[in-house]
């Protein structure tokens, strides 16, 4: 773990549906899938941001791949890429996945000018 960038040593996913949230967290030696006891209106990404996590999304889960997956060891990154589908950017480390998703997921903000034109 020391070889990975501090602050980017693990990644996991939260999936929202009409009845609430499911967290998919690949831990060392096991896969933890948890259905949270909160309603769909709960702001889970905001909760994680307030807890100090870096949050990207929302993303739609991808369609199933049409071919056999490449030979990649099961890790938190490969599981998150699998949830995103075949169009997910290639990455091996959590930081590389974060960087590539952030680059592809640019939020376009509305910028208001201070000067208003007269009507």
N, C-alpha and C. Protein backbone atom coordinates (compact mmCIF):
# COMPACT_ATOMS: atom_id res chain seq x y z
N UNK A 1 0.80 -1.20 0.00
CA UNK A 1 0.00 0.00 0.00
C UNK A 1 0.85 1.27 0.00
N UNK A 2 2.06 1.19 0.50
CA UNK A 2 2.90 2.38 0.54
C UNK A 2 3.30 2.87 -0.84
N UNK A 3 3.23 1.98 -1.83
CA UNK A 3 3.57 2.38 -3.18
C UNK A 3 2.48 3.26 -3.81
N UNK A 4 1.28 3.18 -3.27
CA UNK A 4 0.18 3.97 -3.81
C UNK A 4 0.19 5.38 -3.24
N UNK A 5 -0.33 6.32 -3.99
CA UNK A 5 -0.36 7.71 -3.60
C UNK A 5 -1.21 7.89 -2.34
N UNK A 6 -0.71 8.61 -1.33
CA UNK A 6 -1.51 8.86 -0.12
C UNK A 6 -2.83 9.57 -0.47
N UNK A 7 -3.89 9.11 0.15
CA UNK A 7 -5.21 9.65 -0.13
C UNK A 7 -5.92 8.93 -1.26
N UNK A 8 -5.19 8.07 -1.97
CA UNK A 8 -5.75 7.32 -3.10
C UNK A 8 -5.31 5.87 -3.00
N UNK A 9 -5.57 5.24 -1.89
CA UNK A 9 -5.14 3.86 -1.70
C UNK A 9 -6.28 2.86 -1.79
N UNK A 10 -7.50 3.36 -2.00
CA UNK A 10 -8.65 2.46 -2.10
C UNK A 10 -9.77 3.19 -2.82
N UNK A 11 -10.62 2.47 -3.51
CA UNK A 11 -11.81 3.07 -4.11
C UNK A 11 -12.96 2.08 -3.95
N UNK A 12 -14.17 2.62 -3.92
CA UNK A 12 -15.38 1.81 -3.81
C UNK A 12 -16.51 2.56 -4.50
N UNK A 13 -17.67 1.95 -4.59
CA UNK A 13 -18.77 2.55 -5.35
C UNK A 13 -20.06 2.51 -4.55
N UNK A 14 -20.87 3.52 -4.74
CA UNK A 14 -22.22 3.56 -4.19
C UNK A 14 -23.20 3.60 -5.34
N UNK A 15 -24.18 2.71 -5.32
CA UNK A 15 -25.17 2.63 -6.39
C UNK A 15 -26.52 3.04 -5.83
N UNK A 16 -27.17 4.00 -6.48
CA UNK A 16 -28.48 4.47 -6.03
C UNK A 16 -29.57 3.93 -6.95
N UNK A 17 -30.66 3.47 -6.34
CA UNK A 17 -31.84 3.09 -7.10
C UNK A 17 -33.04 3.77 -6.46
N UNK A 18 -34.23 3.44 -6.91
CA UNK A 18 -35.42 4.12 -6.41
C UNK A 18 -35.72 3.86 -4.93
N UNK A 19 -35.14 2.81 -4.34
CA UNK A 19 -35.40 2.54 -2.94
C UNK A 19 -34.24 2.83 -1.99
N UNK A 20 -33.11 3.28 -2.48
CA UNK A 20 -32.02 3.61 -1.58
C UNK A 20 -30.64 3.41 -2.20
N UNK A 21 -29.68 3.10 -1.34
CA UNK A 21 -28.27 3.01 -1.73
C UNK A 21 -27.70 1.63 -1.43
N UNK A 22 -26.82 1.17 -2.33
CA UNK A 22 -26.04 -0.05 -2.14
C UNK A 22 -24.57 0.33 -2.30
N UNK A 23 -23.74 -0.09 -1.36
CA UNK A 23 -22.31 0.19 -1.41
C UNK A 23 -21.58 -1.09 -1.78
N UNK A 24 -20.72 -1.01 -2.79
CA UNK A 24 -19.90 -2.13 -3.23
C UNK A 24 -18.46 -1.78 -2.87
N UNK A 25 -17.89 -2.55 -1.93
CA UNK A 25 -16.57 -2.24 -1.40
C UNK A 25 -15.70 -3.48 -1.43
N UNK A 26 -14.77 -3.56 -2.40
CA UNK A 26 -13.87 -4.72 -2.46
C UNK A 26 -12.76 -4.57 -1.42
N UNK A 27 -12.81 -5.38 -0.41
CA UNK A 27 -11.80 -5.36 0.64
C UNK A 27 -10.80 -6.47 0.39
N UNK A 28 -9.73 -6.47 1.14
CA UNK A 28 -8.70 -7.48 0.98
C UNK A 28 -9.27 -8.86 1.33
N UNK A 29 -9.37 -9.72 0.36
CA UNK A 29 -9.81 -11.09 0.59
C UNK A 29 -11.30 -11.30 0.53
N UNK A 30 -12.11 -10.24 0.38
CA UNK A 30 -13.56 -10.43 0.29
C UNK A 30 -14.20 -9.22 -0.38
N UNK A 31 -15.42 -9.42 -0.84
CA UNK A 31 -16.20 -8.36 -1.46
C UNK A 31 -17.37 -8.04 -0.55
N UNK A 32 -17.47 -6.81 -0.13
CA UNK A 32 -18.53 -6.38 0.78
C UNK A 32 -19.58 -5.61 -0.01
N UNK A 33 -20.79 -6.13 -0.07
CA UNK A 33 -21.92 -5.46 -0.72
C UNK A 33 -22.94 -5.20 0.37
N UNK A 34 -23.22 -3.92 0.63
CA UNK A 34 -24.07 -3.53 1.75
C UNK A 34 -25.22 -2.68 1.26
N UNK A 35 -26.42 -3.02 1.67
CA UNK A 35 -27.60 -2.20 1.41
C UNK A 35 -27.77 -1.29 2.61
N UNK A 36 -27.66 0.02 2.40
CA UNK A 36 -27.74 0.98 3.50
C UNK A 36 -29.19 1.20 3.92
N UNK A 37 -29.39 1.40 5.21
CA UNK A 37 -30.73 1.63 5.75
C UNK A 37 -31.06 3.11 5.72
N UNK A 38 -30.97 3.71 4.54
CA UNK A 38 -31.32 5.12 4.33
C UNK A 38 -32.22 5.20 3.11
N UNK A 39 -32.99 6.26 3.03
CA UNK A 39 -33.89 6.44 1.90
C UNK A 39 -33.17 6.95 0.67
N UNK A 40 -33.87 6.96 -0.46
CA UNK A 40 -33.25 7.43 -1.71
C UNK A 40 -32.93 8.92 -1.69
N UNK A 41 -33.55 9.68 -0.80
CA UNK A 41 -33.28 11.11 -0.73
C UNK A 41 -32.01 11.44 0.05
N UNK A 42 -31.42 10.45 0.73
CA UNK A 42 -30.20 10.66 1.50
C UNK A 42 -29.05 11.03 0.56
N UNK A 43 -28.28 12.05 0.91
CA UNK A 43 -27.17 12.53 0.10
C UNK A 43 -25.89 11.79 0.48
N UNK A 44 -25.74 10.58 -0.03
CA UNK A 44 -24.56 9.76 0.29
C UNK A 44 -23.27 10.37 -0.26
N UNK A 45 -23.24 10.88 -1.51
CA UNK A 45 -22.01 11.52 -1.97
C UNK A 45 -21.62 12.72 -1.12
N UNK A 46 -22.58 13.52 -0.69
CA UNK A 46 -22.29 14.65 0.20
C UNK A 46 -21.76 14.19 1.54
N UNK A 47 -22.31 13.10 2.06
CA UNK A 47 -21.83 12.53 3.32
C UNK A 47 -20.37 12.11 3.20
N UNK A 48 -20.03 11.43 2.09
CA UNK A 48 -18.66 10.99 1.89
C UNK A 48 -17.72 12.18 1.73
N UNK A 49 -18.15 13.23 1.02
CA UNK A 49 -17.31 14.42 0.87
C UNK A 49 -17.06 15.08 2.22
N UNK A 50 -18.09 15.18 3.06
CA UNK A 50 -17.91 15.77 4.40
C UNK A 50 -16.99 14.92 5.26
N UNK A 51 -16.91 13.61 4.96
CA UNK A 51 -16.03 12.71 5.70
C UNK A 51 -14.60 12.75 5.18
N UNK A 52 -14.35 13.54 4.13
CA UNK A 52 -13.00 13.68 3.61
C UNK A 52 -12.68 12.84 2.39
N UNK A 53 -13.66 12.13 1.85
CA UNK A 53 -13.43 11.32 0.65
C UNK A 53 -13.53 12.19 -0.59
N UNK A 54 -12.86 11.78 -1.64
CA UNK A 54 -13.00 12.44 -2.94
C UNK A 54 -14.08 11.70 -3.72
N UNK A 55 -15.09 12.42 -4.15
CA UNK A 55 -16.25 11.80 -4.78
C UNK A 55 -16.36 12.28 -6.21
N UNK A 56 -16.57 11.34 -7.13
CA UNK A 56 -16.85 11.65 -8.52
C UNK A 56 -18.17 11.00 -8.90
N UNK A 57 -18.89 11.62 -9.78
CA UNK A 57 -20.13 11.02 -10.26
C UNK A 57 -21.26 12.01 -10.17
N UNK A 58 -22.41 11.61 -10.45
CA UNK A 58 -22.89 10.24 -10.63
C UNK A 58 -22.58 9.70 -12.03
N UNK A 59 -22.38 8.41 -12.08
CA UNK A 59 -22.18 7.70 -13.34
C UNK A 59 -23.28 6.66 -13.45
N UNK A 60 -23.67 6.38 -14.66
CA UNK A 60 -24.62 5.29 -14.90
C UNK A 60 -23.83 4.00 -15.01
N UNK A 61 -24.27 2.91 -14.35
CA UNK A 61 -23.58 1.63 -14.55
C UNK A 61 -23.60 1.25 -16.03
N UNK A 62 -22.51 0.73 -16.50
CA UNK A 62 -22.38 0.39 -17.91
C UNK A 62 -23.10 -0.89 -18.28
N UNK A 63 -23.29 -1.05 -19.57
CA UNK A 63 -23.89 -2.28 -20.10
C UNK A 63 -22.88 -3.42 -19.98
N UNK A 64 -23.35 -4.64 -19.96
CA UNK A 64 -22.41 -5.77 -19.89
C UNK A 64 -21.49 -5.80 -21.11
N UNK A 65 -20.28 -6.25 -20.90
CA UNK A 65 -19.31 -6.37 -22.00
C UNK A 65 -19.76 -7.47 -22.95
N UNK A 66 -19.47 -7.29 -24.23
CA UNK A 66 -19.85 -8.27 -25.24
C UNK A 66 -18.79 -9.34 -25.45
N UNK A 67 -17.62 -9.13 -24.88
CA UNK A 67 -16.56 -10.10 -25.05
C UNK A 67 -16.02 -10.50 -23.67
N UNK A 68 -15.13 -11.45 -23.68
CA UNK A 68 -14.53 -11.88 -22.42
C UNK A 68 -13.67 -10.76 -21.83
N UNK A 69 -13.70 -10.60 -20.52
CA UNK A 69 -12.88 -9.55 -19.92
C UNK A 69 -11.40 -9.87 -20.03
N UNK A 70 -10.58 -8.83 -20.05
CA UNK A 70 -9.15 -9.05 -20.10
C UNK A 70 -8.67 -9.65 -18.78
N UNK A 71 -7.51 -10.22 -18.80
CA UNK A 71 -6.97 -10.85 -17.60
C UNK A 71 -6.35 -9.77 -16.72
N UNK A 72 -7.09 -9.36 -15.72
CA UNK A 72 -6.65 -8.33 -14.79
C UNK A 72 -6.96 -8.85 -13.39
N UNK A 73 -6.03 -8.75 -12.46
CA UNK A 73 -6.32 -9.23 -11.11
C UNK A 73 -7.47 -8.43 -10.48
N UNK A 74 -8.24 -9.10 -9.66
CA UNK A 74 -9.36 -8.44 -8.99
C UNK A 74 -8.82 -7.48 -7.94
N UNK A 75 -9.18 -6.22 -8.10
CA UNK A 75 -8.78 -5.18 -7.15
C UNK A 75 -9.93 -4.20 -7.03
N UNK A 76 -9.80 -3.23 -6.17
CA UNK A 76 -10.85 -2.23 -6.02
C UNK A 76 -11.02 -1.45 -7.32
N UNK A 77 -9.94 -1.20 -8.03
CA UNK A 77 -10.01 -0.45 -9.29
C UNK A 77 -10.69 -1.28 -10.37
N UNK A 78 -10.33 -2.55 -10.50
CA UNK A 78 -10.95 -3.38 -11.54
C UNK A 78 -12.43 -3.58 -11.27
N UNK A 79 -12.83 -3.66 -10.00
CA UNK A 79 -14.25 -3.80 -9.68
C UNK A 79 -15.01 -2.52 -10.03
N UNK A 80 -14.47 -1.36 -9.70
CA UNK A 80 -15.13 -0.10 -10.04
C UNK A 80 -15.19 0.09 -11.55
N UNK A 81 -14.13 -0.29 -12.25
CA UNK A 81 -14.15 -0.22 -13.72
C UNK A 81 -15.20 -1.17 -14.27
N UNK A 82 -15.36 -2.34 -13.66
CA UNK A 82 -16.38 -3.29 -14.10
C UNK A 82 -17.79 -2.74 -13.92
N UNK A 83 -18.01 -2.00 -12.84
CA UNK A 83 -19.32 -1.38 -12.63
C UNK A 83 -19.60 -0.29 -13.66
N UNK A 84 -18.56 0.40 -14.07
CA UNK A 84 -18.73 1.47 -15.06
C UNK A 84 -18.96 0.92 -16.47
N UNK A 85 -18.56 -0.31 -16.71
CA UNK A 85 -18.81 -0.93 -18.01
C UNK A 85 -17.60 -0.89 -18.92
N UNK A 86 -17.77 -1.40 -20.14
CA UNK A 86 -16.63 -1.51 -21.06
C UNK A 86 -16.06 -0.17 -21.50
N UNK A 87 -16.79 0.92 -21.34
CA UNK A 87 -16.28 2.22 -21.73
C UNK A 87 -15.46 2.91 -20.65
N UNK A 88 -15.24 2.23 -19.53
CA UNK A 88 -14.48 2.83 -18.43
C UNK A 88 -13.02 3.01 -18.83
N UNK A 89 -12.40 4.09 -18.38
CA UNK A 89 -10.99 4.30 -18.73
C UNK A 89 -10.10 3.26 -18.06
N UNK A 90 -9.02 2.90 -18.75
CA UNK A 90 -8.10 1.92 -18.17
C UNK A 90 -7.30 2.57 -17.05
N UNK A 91 -7.20 1.87 -15.96
CA UNK A 91 -6.40 2.33 -14.82
C UNK A 91 -6.05 1.11 -13.97
N UNK A 92 -4.92 1.21 -13.28
CA UNK A 92 -4.48 0.12 -12.40
C UNK A 92 -4.53 0.57 -10.95
N UNK A 93 -4.31 1.86 -10.70
CA UNK A 93 -4.30 2.38 -9.32
C UNK A 93 -5.52 3.27 -9.10
N UNK A 94 -5.93 3.44 -7.84
CA UNK A 94 -7.06 4.33 -7.56
C UNK A 94 -6.83 5.76 -8.03
N UNK A 95 -5.61 6.28 -7.90
CA UNK A 95 -5.34 7.64 -8.35
C UNK A 95 -5.47 7.78 -9.86
N UNK A 96 -4.98 6.80 -10.60
CA UNK A 96 -5.10 6.86 -12.07
C UNK A 96 -6.57 6.81 -12.48
N UNK A 97 -7.38 5.99 -11.82
CA UNK A 97 -8.80 5.92 -12.12
C UNK A 97 -9.47 7.26 -11.80
N UNK A 98 -9.16 7.83 -10.66
CA UNK A 98 -9.71 9.13 -10.25
C UNK A 98 -9.35 10.20 -11.28
N UNK A 99 -8.09 10.25 -11.67
CA UNK A 99 -7.61 11.26 -12.62
C UNK A 99 -8.31 11.13 -13.97
N UNK A 100 -8.43 9.91 -14.47
CA UNK A 100 -9.05 9.70 -15.78
C UNK A 100 -10.55 9.95 -15.75
N UNK A 101 -11.21 9.55 -14.67
CA UNK A 101 -12.64 9.82 -14.57
C UNK A 101 -12.90 11.31 -14.41
N UNK A 102 -12.07 11.98 -13.64
CA UNK A 102 -12.24 13.43 -13.45
C UNK A 102 -12.04 14.16 -14.77
N UNK A 103 -11.10 13.71 -15.56
CA UNK A 103 -10.84 14.33 -16.86
C UNK A 103 -12.04 14.13 -17.79
N UNK A 104 -12.64 12.94 -17.76
CA UNK A 104 -13.78 12.64 -18.63
C UNK A 104 -15.09 13.19 -18.08
N UNK A 105 -15.14 13.53 -16.81
CA UNK A 105 -16.38 13.96 -16.16
C UNK A 105 -16.23 15.41 -15.73
N UNK A 106 -16.20 16.28 -16.70
CA UNK A 106 -16.08 17.71 -16.40
C UNK A 106 -17.47 18.29 -16.22
N UNK A 107 -17.65 18.96 -15.10
CA UNK A 107 -18.93 19.60 -14.83
C UNK A 107 -18.90 20.99 -15.46
N UNK A 108 -19.85 21.24 -16.33
CA UNK A 108 -19.93 22.55 -16.95
C UNK A 108 -20.74 23.46 -16.04
N UNK A 109 -20.10 24.50 -15.54
CA UNK A 109 -20.75 25.41 -14.63
C UNK A 109 -21.29 26.61 -15.39
N UNK A 110 -22.40 27.11 -14.92
CA UNK A 110 -22.93 28.34 -15.47
C UNK A 110 -22.24 29.50 -14.77
N UNK A 111 -21.64 30.38 -15.55
CA UNK A 111 -20.94 31.52 -14.99
C UNK A 111 -21.74 32.77 -15.33
N UNK A 112 -22.10 33.51 -14.31
CA UNK A 112 -22.84 34.74 -14.51
C UNK A 112 -21.88 35.91 -14.48
N UNK A 113 -22.00 36.79 -15.45
CA UNK A 113 -21.16 37.99 -15.45
C UNK A 113 -21.70 38.98 -14.44
N UNK A 114 -20.81 39.78 -13.91
CA UNK A 114 -21.22 40.80 -12.95
C UNK A 114 -21.95 41.93 -13.66
N UNK A 115 -21.60 42.17 -14.91
CA UNK A 115 -22.24 43.24 -15.65
C UNK A 115 -23.54 42.74 -16.25
N UNK A 116 -24.59 43.47 -16.03
CA UNK A 116 -25.88 43.13 -16.61
C UNK A 116 -26.19 44.14 -17.70
N UNK A 117 -26.70 43.66 -18.78
CA UNK A 117 -27.06 44.58 -19.87
C UNK A 117 -28.40 45.22 -19.55
N UNK A 118 -28.55 46.45 -19.97
CA UNK A 118 -29.80 47.17 -19.77
C UNK A 118 -30.86 46.61 -20.70
N UNK A 119 -32.07 46.51 -20.20
CA UNK A 119 -33.17 46.03 -21.03
C UNK A 119 -33.76 47.13 -21.84
